[in-house]
Amino acid sequence: MNKLEKFALTLHRFVPDGFQYHLAQLIVAAQVKFKIVNGRKTKLGDFRIGPMYQLPIITVNGDLNKYAFLITALHELAHLNTFKKFGSGISPHGLEWKNEYRNLLLPIIYSKNLPKDLEDALLKSVTKIKAASCSDIQLSRVLQKYDKESKDATIHLEDITEGLTFSINGKCFTKGKLRRSRYLCYEIITNRPYLIHRFAKIKIT
């Protein structure tokens, strides 16, 4: 079994059927250190330049649903491709990155191996690419449908009314008004304001 086949076998647990070999080819060709890591609350994945004479590094959260994992991996590979072509002196999510990301997304979209709702959401998203999938409200809604957790057992911040209290990450808040894709909420103990994403998973208190 060669390196490409081993990579595809590893990815089988994390990406949808039909895309393992495709993503493995992109990773091997990119000459990048690709790491699947424990879930992080602050980000789904990242790209960073490695130490001198070492490969650049991409990490992706291993607790994502398979479609979110695939899209996040492509997002970070687009950062790598942009860095290789233009260096570090450009906007992280500027036109150069958007073009690279679009080029990586289109073969996935046209493969006809995606659920129709996700295919449609991605087609719309490539016309006006956001810096993160969670910033694209329609795409984020569709991706969450494929989370492992039962939808009935999950409450998102947007599901509750303004003024109600909730907890997240061990802190209690009061829900305020919507500011674009995030709600202005206030921590109950300190009254400190926080902007919390509308799709954040919360617990009612």
C-alpha atoms as a PDB file:
ATOM      1  CA  MET A   1       0.000   0.000   0.000  1.00  0.00           C
ATOM      2  CA  ASN A   2       1.520   3.327  -1.078  1.00  0.00           C
ATOM      3  CA  LYS A   3       1.308   6.690   0.703  1.00  0.00           C
ATOM      4  CA  LEU A   4      -1.732   7.841  -1.279  1.00  0.00           C
ATOM      5  CA  GLU A   5      -3.681   4.669  -0.533  1.00  0.00           C
ATOM      6  CA  LYS A   6      -2.831   4.892   3.184  1.00  0.00           C
ATOM      7  CA  PHE A   7      -4.015   8.488   3.284  1.00  0.00           C
ATOM      8  CA  ALA A   8      -7.270   7.615   1.547  1.00  0.00           C
ATOM      9  CA  LEU A   9      -7.840   4.757   3.989  1.00  0.00           C
ATOM     10  CA  THR A  10      -7.333   7.090   6.964  1.00  0.00           C
ATOM     11  CA  LEU A  11      -9.678   9.688   5.485  1.00  0.00           C
ATOM     12  CA  HIS A  12     -12.426   7.098   5.052  1.00  0.00           C
ATOM     13  CA  ARG A  13     -13.546   7.757   8.654  1.00  0.00           C
ATOM     14  CA  PHE A  14     -13.713  11.521   8.173  1.00  0.00           C
ATOM     15  CA  VAL A  15     -14.968  12.366   4.671  1.00  0.00           C
ATOM     16  CA  PRO A  16     -18.013  11.241   2.653  1.00  0.00           C
ATOM     17  CA  ASP A  17     -17.798   8.164   0.458  1.00  0.00           C
ATOM     18  CA  GLY A  18     -16.436   9.020  -2.960  1.00  0.00           C
ATOM     19  CA  PHE A  19     -14.166  11.831  -1.795  1.00  0.00           C
ATOM     20  CA  GLN A  20     -11.449  10.037   0.186  1.00  0.00           C
ATOM     21  CA  TYR A  21      -9.112   9.450  -2.760  1.00  0.00           C
ATOM     22  CA  HIS A  22      -9.719  12.905  -4.215  1.00  0.00           C
ATOM     23  CA  LEU A  23      -8.825  14.662  -0.949  1.00  0.00           C
ATOM     24  CA  ALA A  24      -5.861  12.340  -0.388  1.00  0.00           C
ATOM     25  CA  GLN A  25      -4.503  13.270  -3.823  1.00  0.00           C
ATOM     26  CA  LEU A  26      -4.790  16.985  -3.032  1.00  0.00           C
ATOM     27  CA  ILE A  27      -3.004  16.584   0.299  1.00  0.00           C
ATOM     28  CA  VAL A  28      -0.160  14.455  -1.062  1.00  0.00           C
ATOM     29  CA  ALA A  29       0.345  16.770  -4.049  1.00  0.00           C
ATOM     30  CA  ALA A  30       0.373  19.812  -1.751  1.00  0.00           C
ATOM     31  CA  GLN A  31       3.311  18.456   0.276  1.00  0.00           C
ATOM     32  CA  VAL A  32       1.782  19.510   3.568  1.00  0.00           C
ATOM     33  CA  LYS A  33       1.708  17.998   7.042  1.00  0.00           C
ATOM     34  CA  PHE A  34      -2.005  17.232   7.451  1.00  0.00           C
ATOM     35  CA  LYS A  35      -3.174  16.595  11.017  1.00  0.00           C
ATOM     36  CA  ILE A  36      -6.601  15.526  12.273  1.00  0.00           C
ATOM     37  CA  VAL A  37      -6.970  16.935  15.776  1.00  0.00           C
ATOM     38  CA  ASN A  38      -9.444  16.962  18.650  1.00  0.00           C
ATOM     39  CA  GLY A  39     -12.366  19.354  18.324  1.00  0.00           C
ATOM     40  CA  ARG A  40     -11.671  22.994  19.168  1.00  0.00           C
ATOM     41  CA  LYS A  41     -14.271  25.557  20.190  1.00  0.00           C
ATOM     42  CA  THR A  42     -12.600  28.502  18.459  1.00  0.00           C
ATOM     43  CA  LYS A  43     -11.901  27.073  14.992  1.00  0.00           C
ATOM     44  CA  LEU A  44     -12.666  24.182  12.662  1.00  0.00           C
ATOM     45  CA  GLY A  45      -9.254  24.060  11.045  1.00  0.00           C
ATOM     46  CA  ASP A  46      -6.155  26.127  10.389  1.00  0.00           C
ATOM     47  CA  PHE A  47      -3.123  26.556   8.159  1.00  0.00           C
ATOM     48  CA  ARG A  48       0.266  27.677   9.330  1.00  0.00           C
ATOM     49  CA  ILE A  49       3.754  27.864   7.927  1.00  0.00           C
ATOM     50  CA  GLY A  50       6.053  25.240   9.439  1.00  0.00           C
ATOM     51  CA  PRO A  51       9.497  25.928  10.919  1.00  0.00           C
ATOM     52  CA  MET A  52      12.313  26.540   8.455  1.00  0.00           C
ATOM     53  CA  TYR A  53      12.943  23.600   6.082  1.00  0.00           C
ATOM     54  CA  GLN A  54       9.829  21.811   7.356  1.00  0.00           C
ATOM     55  CA  LEU A  55       6.491  21.280   5.671  1.00  0.00           C
ATOM     56  CA  PRO A  56       3.600  23.700   6.219  1.00  0.00           C
ATOM     57  CA  ILE A  57       0.875  22.399   8.534  1.00  0.00           C
ATOM     58  CA  ILE A  58      -2.878  22.026   8.115  1.00  0.00           C
ATOM     59  CA  THR A  59      -5.086  20.876  10.989  1.00  0.00           C
ATOM     60  CA  VAL A  60      -8.779  19.949  10.813  1.00  0.00           C
ATOM     61  CA  ASN A  61     -11.046  19.063  13.735  1.00  0.00           C
ATOM     62  CA  GLY A  62     -11.795  15.354  13.782  1.00  0.00           C
ATOM     63  CA  ASP A  63     -15.240  15.764  15.376  1.00  0.00           C
ATOM     64  CA  LEU A  64     -16.794  17.503  12.365  1.00  0.00           C
ATOM     65  CA  ASN A  65     -19.430  15.762  10.313  1.00  0.00           C
ATOM     66  CA  LYS A  66     -18.009  14.327   7.092  1.00  0.00           C
ATOM     67  CA  TYR A  67     -19.206  17.099   4.807  1.00  0.00           C
ATOM     68  CA  ALA A  68     -17.986  19.850   7.144  1.00  0.00           C
ATOM     69  CA  PHE A  69     -14.616  18.073   7.402  1.00  0.00           C
ATOM     70  CA  LEU A  70     -14.266  17.953   3.608  1.00  0.00           C
ATOM     71  CA  ILE A  71     -15.172  21.617   3.150  1.00  0.00           C
ATOM     72  CA  THR A  72     -12.894  22.720   5.997  1.00  0.00           C
ATOM     73  CA  ALA A  73      -9.982  20.736   4.534  1.00  0.00           C
ATOM     74  CA  LEU A  74     -10.504  22.437   1.155  1.00  0.00           C
ATOM     75  CA  HIS A  75     -10.695  25.824   2.904  1.00  0.00           C
ATOM     76  CA  GLU A  76      -7.277  25.258   4.492  1.00  0.00           C
ATOM     77  CA  LEU A  77      -5.748  23.802   1.319  1.00  0.00           C
ATOM     78  CA  ALA A  78      -6.824  27.007  -0.430  1.00  0.00           C
ATOM     79  CA  HIS A  79      -4.801  28.956   2.164  1.00  0.00           C
ATOM     80  CA  LEU A  80      -1.784  26.775   1.396  1.00  0.00           C
ATOM     81  CA  ASN A  81      -2.152  27.206  -2.374  1.00  0.00           C
ATOM     82  CA  THR A  82      -2.525  30.964  -1.941  1.00  0.00           C
ATOM     83  CA  PHE A  83       0.587  31.163   0.223  1.00  0.00           C
ATOM     84  CA  LYS A  84       2.634  29.195  -2.310  1.00  0.00           C
ATOM     85  CA  LYS A  85       1.580  31.496  -5.148  1.00  0.00           C
ATOM     86  CA  PHE A  86       1.522  34.901  -3.445  1.00  0.00           C
ATOM     87  CA  GLY A  87       3.397  34.632  -0.152  1.00  0.00           C
ATOM     88  CA  SER A  88       2.160  36.045   3.133  1.00  0.00           C
ATOM     89  CA  GLY A  89       1.718  39.691   2.147  1.00  0.00           C
ATOM     90  CA  ILE A  90      -1.926  39.436   1.083  1.00  0.00           C
ATOM     91  CA  SER A  91      -5.280  39.429   2.872  1.00  0.00           C
ATOM     92  CA  PRO A  92      -5.956  35.979   4.405  1.00  0.00           C
ATOM     93  CA  HIS A  93      -9.427  35.782   2.824  1.00  0.00           C
ATOM     94  CA  GLY A  94      -8.900  38.175  -0.055  1.00  0.00           C
ATOM     95  CA  LEU A  95      -9.551  37.688  -3.761  1.00  0.00           C
ATOM     96  CA  GLU A  96      -6.549  35.389  -4.227  1.00  0.00           C
ATOM     97  CA  TRP A  97      -7.751  32.981  -1.536  1.00  0.00           C
ATOM     98  CA  LYS A  98     -11.353  33.125  -2.761  1.00  0.00           C
ATOM     99  CA  ASN A  99     -10.258  32.122  -6.261  1.00  0.00           C
ATOM    100  CA  GLU A 100      -8.210  29.196  -4.932  1.00  0.00           C
ATOM    101  CA  TYR A 101     -11.047  28.046  -2.677  1.00  0.00           C
ATOM    102  CA  ARG A 102     -13.557  28.279  -5.522  1.00  0.00           C
ATOM    103  CA  ASN A 103     -11.273  26.189  -7.744  1.00  0.00           C
ATOM    104  CA  LEU A 104     -11.135  23.479  -5.078  1.00  0.00           C
ATOM    105  CA  LEU A 105     -14.878  23.549  -4.390  1.00  0.00           C
ATOM    106  CA  LEU A 106     -16.126  23.323  -7.965  1.00  0.00           C
ATOM    107  CA  PRO A 107     -14.973  19.710  -8.649  1.00  0.00           C
ATOM    108  CA  ILE A 108     -16.688  18.658  -5.405  1.00  0.00           C
ATOM    109  CA  ILE A 109     -19.905  20.438  -6.371  1.00  0.00           C
ATOM    110  CA  TYR A 110     -19.961  19.021  -9.911  1.00  0.00           C
ATOM    111  CA  SER A 111     -19.119  15.490  -8.782  1.00  0.00           C
ATOM    112  CA  LYS A 112     -22.832  14.801  -8.127  1.00  0.00           C
ATOM    113  CA  ASN A 113     -21.770  12.864  -5.005  1.00  0.00           C
ATOM    114  CA  LEU A 114     -23.153  15.465  -2.587  1.00  0.00           C
ATOM    115  CA  PRO A 115     -26.686  15.594  -1.164  1.00  0.00           C
ATOM    116  CA  LYS A 116     -28.786  17.920  -3.317  1.00  0.00           C
ATOM    117  CA  ASP A 117     -29.359  20.469  -0.549  1.00  0.00           C
ATOM    118  CA  LEU A 118     -25.627  20.756   0.116  1.00  0.00           C
ATOM    119  CA  GLU A 119     -24.814  20.918  -3.597  1.00  0.00           C
ATOM    120  CA  ASP A 120     -27.273  23.791  -4.012  1.00  0.00           C
ATOM    121  CA  ALA A 121     -25.943  25.645  -0.949  1.00  0.00           C
ATOM    122  CA  LEU A 122     -22.334  25.340  -2.164  1.00  0.00           C
ATOM    123  CA  LEU A 123     -23.272  26.514  -5.661  1.00  0.00           C
ATOM    124  CA  LYS A 124     -24.768  29.651  -4.145  1.00  0.00           C
ATOM    125  CA  SER A 125     -21.830  30.128  -1.792  1.00  0.00           C
ATOM    126  CA  VAL A 126     -19.165  30.120  -4.536  1.00  0.00           C
ATOM    127  CA  THR A 127     -20.691  33.258  -6.071  1.00  0.00           C
ATOM    128  CA  LYS A 128     -19.985  35.182  -2.868  1.00  0.00           C
ATOM    129  CA  ILE A 129     -17.495  33.236  -0.777  1.00  0.00           C
ATOM    130  CA  LYS A 130     -17.349  33.983   2.950  1.00  0.00           C
ATOM    131  CA  ALA A 131     -14.235  33.776   5.106  1.00  0.00           C
ATOM    132  CA  ALA A 132     -15.717  30.799   6.999  1.00  0.00           C
ATOM    133  CA  SER A 133     -18.528  28.355   6.325  1.00  0.00           C
ATOM    134  CA  CYS A 134     -20.240  29.406   9.572  1.00  0.00           C
ATOM    135  CA  SER A 135     -20.440  32.967   8.172  1.00  0.00           C
ATOM    136  CA  ASP A 136     -22.540  31.668   5.281  1.00  0.00           C
ATOM    137  CA  ILE A 137     -25.898  31.247   7.017  1.00  0.00           C
ATOM    138  CA  GLN A 138     -27.558  29.024   4.416  1.00  0.00           C
ATOM    139  CA  LEU A 139     -24.508  26.755   4.045  1.00  0.00           C
ATOM    140  CA  SER A 140     -24.132  26.526   7.814  1.00  0.00           C
ATOM    141  CA  ARG A 141     -27.773  25.485   8.220  1.00  0.00           C
ATOM    142  CA  VAL A 142     -27.387  22.722   5.644  1.00  0.00           C
ATOM    143  CA  LEU A 143     -24.115  21.432   7.116  1.00  0.00           C
ATOM    144  CA  GLN A 144     -25.625  21.214  10.594  1.00  0.00           C
ATOM    145  CA  LYS A 145     -28.275  18.827   9.279  1.00  0.00           C
ATOM    146  CA  TYR A 146     -25.511  16.240   8.907  1.00  0.00           C
ATOM    147  CA  ASP A 147     -24.116  16.534  12.429  1.00  0.00           C
ATOM    148  CA  LYS A 148     -24.039  13.276  14.383  1.00  0.00           C
ATOM    149  CA  GLU A 149     -26.093  14.727  17.229  1.00  0.00           C
ATOM    150  CA  SER A 150     -29.847  14.467  17.085  1.00  0.00           C
ATOM    151  CA  LYS A 151     -31.373  17.717  15.889  1.00  0.00           C
ATOM    152  CA  ASP A 152     -34.023  17.456  18.619  1.00  0.00           C
ATOM    153  CA  ALA A 153     -31.345  17.308  21.302  1.00  0.00           C
ATOM    154  CA  THR A 154     -29.539  20.439  20.030  1.00  0.00           C
ATOM    155  CA  ILE A 155     -30.552  23.986  20.895  1.00  0.00           C
ATOM    156  CA  HIS A 156     -28.911  26.859  19.036  1.00  0.00           C
ATOM    157  CA  LEU A 157     -28.779  30.430  20.265  1.00  0.00           C
ATOM    158  CA  GLU A 158     -31.086  31.582  17.464  1.00  0.00           C
ATOM    159  CA  ASP A 159     -33.759  29.141  18.705  1.00  0.00           C
ATOM    160  CA  ILE A 160     -34.441  31.064  21.920  1.00  0.00           C
ATOM    161  CA  THR A 161     -36.082  34.467  22.344  1.00  0.00           C
ATOM    162  CA  GLU A 162     -34.338  37.685  23.299  1.00  0.00           C
ATOM    163  CA  GLY A 163     -33.925  38.159  27.055  1.00  0.00           C
ATOM    164  CA  LEU A 164     -33.738  34.476  27.960  1.00  0.00           C
ATOM    165  CA  THR A 165     -30.714  33.144  29.834  1.00  0.00           C
ATOM    166  CA  PHE A 166     -28.500  30.306  28.631  1.00  0.00           C
ATOM    167  CA  SER A 167     -25.122  28.738  29.286  1.00  0.00           C
ATOM    168  CA  ILE A 168     -22.212  27.966  26.987  1.00  0.00           C
ATOM    169  CA  ASN A 169     -18.615  27.033  27.809  1.00  0.00           C
ATOM    170  CA  GLY A 170     -19.395  27.121  31.528  1.00  0.00           C
ATOM    171  CA  LYS A 171     -20.690  30.715  31.547  1.00  0.00           C
ATOM    172  CA  CYS A 172     -24.246  32.053  31.771  1.00  0.00           C
ATOM    173  CA  PHE A 173     -25.542  34.792  29.483  1.00  0.00           C
ATOM    174  CA  THR A 174     -28.638  36.805  28.621  1.00  0.00           C
ATOM    175  CA  LYS A 175     -29.497  36.852  24.922  1.00  0.00           C
ATOM    176  CA  GLY A 176     -29.509  40.272  23.277  1.00  0.00           C
ATOM    177  CA  LYS A 177     -30.080  41.599  19.770  1.00  0.00           C
ATOM    178  CA  LEU A 178     -28.780  40.135  16.507  1.00  0.00           C
ATOM    179  CA  ARG A 179     -25.739  41.816  14.965  1.00  0.00           C
ATOM    180  CA  ARG A 180     -25.374  40.310  11.470  1.00  0.00           C
ATOM    181  CA  SER A 181     -24.564  36.637  12.206  1.00  0.00           C
ATOM    182  CA  ARG A 182     -23.977  36.998  15.975  1.00  0.00           C
ATOM    183  CA  TYR A 183     -26.072  37.993  18.967  1.00  0.00           C
ATOM    184  CA  LEU A 184     -24.894  40.593  21.454  1.00  0.00           C
ATOM    185  CA  CYS A 185     -25.162  38.726  24.760  1.00  0.00           C
ATOM    186  CA  TYR A 186     -24.246  39.719  28.295  1.00  0.00           C
ATOM    187  CA  GLU A 187     -22.521  37.497  30.820  1.00  0.00           C
ATOM    188  CA  ILE A 188     -24.751  37.422  33.877  1.00  0.00           C
ATOM    189  CA  ILE A 189     -22.029  37.653  36.553  1.00  0.00           C
ATOM    190  CA  THR A 190     -19.933  40.461  34.994  1.00  0.00           C
ATOM    191  CA  ASN A 191     -22.452  42.048  32.566  1.00  0.00           C
ATOM    192  CA  ARG A 192     -19.621  41.937  30.033  1.00  0.00           C
ATOM    193  CA  PRO A 193     -20.858  41.912  26.400  1.00  0.00           C
ATOM    194  CA  TYR A 194     -20.026  39.016  24.080  1.00  0.00           C
ATOM    195  CA  LEU A 195     -20.845  38.453  20.420  1.00  0.00           C
ATOM    196  CA  ILE A 196     -21.972  34.830  20.137  1.00  0.00           C
ATOM    197  CA  HIS A 197     -22.701  33.132  16.827  1.00  0.00           C
ATOM    198  CA  ARG A 198     -26.364  32.476  16.091  1.00  0.00           C
ATOM    199  CA  PHE A 199     -25.656  28.763  15.564  1.00  0.00           C
ATOM    200  CA  ALA A 200     -23.753  28.295  18.818  1.00  0.00           C
ATOM    201  CA  LYS A 201     -25.003  25.206  20.715  1.00  0.00           C
ATOM    202  CA  ILE A 202     -26.326  26.271  24.104  1.00  0.00           C
ATOM    203  CA  LYS A 203     -28.107  24.998  27.204  1.00  0.00           C
ATOM    204  CA  ILE A 204     -31.169  26.690  28.651  1.00  0.00           C
ATOM    205  CA  THR A 205     -30.700  27.785  32.286  1.00  0.00           C
END
